[in-house]
Amino acid sequence: MRSVPVLSASTGLIYGSAQDPGLAAGGTYVWYTEAIDFGTGKTVWKKRVGAGGSYNDVGMILSLGPDGTLYDSVRDGVVAVKDSREPLS
């Protein structure tokens, strides 16, 4: 996780942004929002939010809305991701 993560006491999940390290090593920067189970440390879900430097959140703190939407400040604006509880594919 690259961002400052945020824990939701109601879901038991830690939310944050991350990169695909394999792609980053090759020079392709793909950004994800991911949810990690606080108890197990396992990733519950992740969603691709974009590619390239404009999606870098430069270590900003995420905000979690009351409806489960995560807001992450990135270089070119704000990314909003809904906690969909969809399992990893």
Protein backbone atom coordinates (compact mmCIF):
# COMPACT_ATOMS: atom_id res chain seq x y z
CA MET A 1 0.00 0.00 0.00
CA ARG A 2 1.37 3.41 -0.95
CA SER A 3 -1.13 5.77 0.62
CA VAL A 4 -1.78 6.46 4.27
CA PRO A 5 -4.41 3.76 4.88
CA VAL A 6 -7.74 4.26 6.61
CA LEU A 7 -9.47 1.65 8.79
CA SER A 8 -13.25 1.33 8.85
CA ALA A 9 -14.44 0.06 12.22
CA SER A 10 -17.81 -0.89 10.68
CA THR A 11 -16.35 -3.10 7.90
CA GLY A 12 -13.11 -4.23 9.56
CA LEU A 13 -11.27 -3.32 6.36
CA ILE A 14 -8.19 -1.20 5.80
CA TYR A 15 -8.43 0.84 2.59
CA GLY A 16 -5.54 2.30 0.63
CA SER A 17 -3.99 2.77 -2.79
CA ALA A 18 -1.44 0.46 -4.34
CA GLN A 19 0.51 -0.20 -7.51
CA ASP A 20 1.11 -3.42 -9.36
CA PRO A 21 4.83 -3.91 -8.53
CA GLY A 22 5.47 -6.14 -11.55
CA LEU A 23 4.11 -3.56 -13.97
CA ALA A 24 5.87 -0.70 -12.15
CA ALA A 25 9.21 -2.47 -12.50
CA GLY A 26 8.65 -2.42 -16.25
CA GLY A 27 7.75 1.28 -16.28
CA THR A 28 3.95 0.94 -16.41
CA TYR A 29 2.25 2.59 -13.45
CA VAL A 30 -1.19 1.14 -12.75
CA TRP A 31 -2.99 2.31 -9.61
CA TYR A 32 -5.53 0.43 -7.52
CA THR A 33 -7.67 1.03 -4.47
CA GLU A 34 -7.58 -2.04 -2.27
CA ALA A 35 -9.29 -3.30 0.87
CA ILE A 36 -7.40 -5.48 3.33
CA ASP A 37 -9.04 -7.45 6.14
CA PHE A 38 -7.76 -6.02 9.44
CA GLY A 39 -7.87 -9.41 11.17
CA THR A 40 -6.21 -11.58 8.53
CA GLY A 41 -4.11 -9.11 6.55
CA LYS A 42 -5.47 -10.57 3.30
CA THR A 43 -6.66 -8.45 0.40
CA VAL A 44 -10.45 -8.69 0.17
CA TRP A 45 -10.88 -6.69 -3.04
CA LYS A 46 -9.06 -4.26 -5.25
CA LYS A 47 -10.19 -2.05 -8.11
CA ARG A 48 -8.10 -0.45 -10.82
CA VAL A 49 -8.55 3.32 -10.75
CA GLY A 50 -6.18 4.36 -13.54
CA ALA A 51 -2.74 4.31 -15.08
CA GLY A 52 0.01 6.89 -15.25
CA GLY A 53 1.38 9.59 -13.01
CA SER A 54 -1.89 11.52 -12.75
CA TYR A 55 -3.29 8.72 -10.54
CA ASN A 56 -0.39 8.89 -8.06
CA ASP A 57 -1.81 9.89 -4.69
CA VAL A 58 1.65 10.89 -3.43
CA GLY A 59 0.95 9.36 -0.03
CA MET A 60 -2.22 11.30 0.74
CA ILE A 61 -4.76 10.17 3.34
CA LEU A 62 -7.91 8.56 2.01
CA SER A 63 -11.35 9.62 3.23
CA LEU A 64 -14.19 7.19 3.74
CA GLY A 65 -17.74 8.42 3.25
CA PRO A 66 -20.76 7.15 5.22
CA ASP A 67 -22.05 5.26 2.17
CA GLY A 68 -18.79 3.31 1.76
CA THR A 69 -17.29 5.52 -0.95
CA LEU A 70 -13.55 6.07 -0.67
CA TYR A 71 -12.10 9.40 -1.79
CA ASP A 72 -8.41 9.61 -2.67
CA SER A 73 -6.67 12.82 -3.69
CA VAL A 74 -4.46 12.19 -6.72
CA ARG A 75 -2.22 14.52 -8.70
CA ASP A 76 -4.95 15.57 -11.13
CA GLY A 77 -8.01 15.53 -8.87
CA VAL A 78 -9.94 13.07 -6.73
CA VAL A 79 -10.72 9.40 -7.32
CA ALA A 80 -13.95 8.01 -5.82
CA VAL A 81 -14.30 4.25 -5.39
CA LYS A 82 -17.37 2.55 -3.96
CA ASP A 83 -16.75 -0.33 -1.55
CA SER A 84 -18.43 -2.96 -3.71
CA ARG A 85 -17.47 -6.00 -1.63
CA GLU A 86 -16.82 -7.84 -4.87
CA PRO A 87 -14.30 -10.63 -4.36
CA LEU A 88 -10.94 -10.60 -6.11
CA SER A 89 -11.04 -12.19 -9.54
